[in-house]
C-alpha cells in the first residue's frame, strides 16, 4: 500500500482531477510530469491524461472501473478516441456533466444517482456489465461525491448510516467504512483518488483521517 499526499494546482480536492482503477488512472492533462510519475508509482498503474470537454477537471466529468469509462454527452471526439485506445468507453445520454459526482463503482458493483433516467441507467449497466443500484447515500443524490470504492474497500461520508454501510458492502463486494478528508470534508469521493494499490490524498488531510481512510480502504 502506498499513500501520496499532494495538492493539484493548489487544490486539495484531488478527485476533481481524476479517478483510479486497478488498470489505469484517468487524470487531468494539466498536472506536472513529476506528479504523473508519482501517481503511477503509488497507484501502480499507467495514466490516461486527458481533459473532458476541454475541461481540466476530468475526474468530476467522468467515472469508471477497470472495464469501462462513462463520459458525458459533451465529451469531444478526440478525447473519446484517446480514452478508447486504452479502455472501453460509453457516453451517458442524460444532460448531466458531473458524472464523477453521480456514480460510485468498482469492478463488482456500483451505486448511481437517483437523478439518472431509465435509459441512462440501462446504458450504464450495459457498459459496466452489471446492474447498478440507483439511489442516494447519506441523503445525497451525489453518490460519487460522498463515496469512493476500490476492489479492496470503500470510503463513504460520515453521514451514511450503519444500514447504508452494510448495503454498500453488499453492492461493492468489499468491506468499507466512514471517514472525512481534507480536515473535515464529508465529500470523500471528491477528495480521494484510490485503487487497490494505494491512494492519493491532499496535504490538508489529518493523520486521524488518513488512519480511518486506510482502514476503510482495506489497508489496515
Foldseek 3Di string as FASTA:
>chain_A
DAEAAAAFPPHQLQLQAWADELAEIEGEQPGDPVVQVVVCVQQVYHYQYDDFLPHRSNRQQWDDENAEIEGEPSGDPVRQVSVVVRHHYDYQDDPDGRQLQAKEAYLQEIEGFQVGDPVSQVVVCVRSVHRYHYYAFLPDSRQSQAKYAELAFIEGFPSGDPVRQVVVCVGHVYHFYYAAFLQRHNRVSSAWHHYLRYIYGYPSGDPVRVVRRCVRSNND
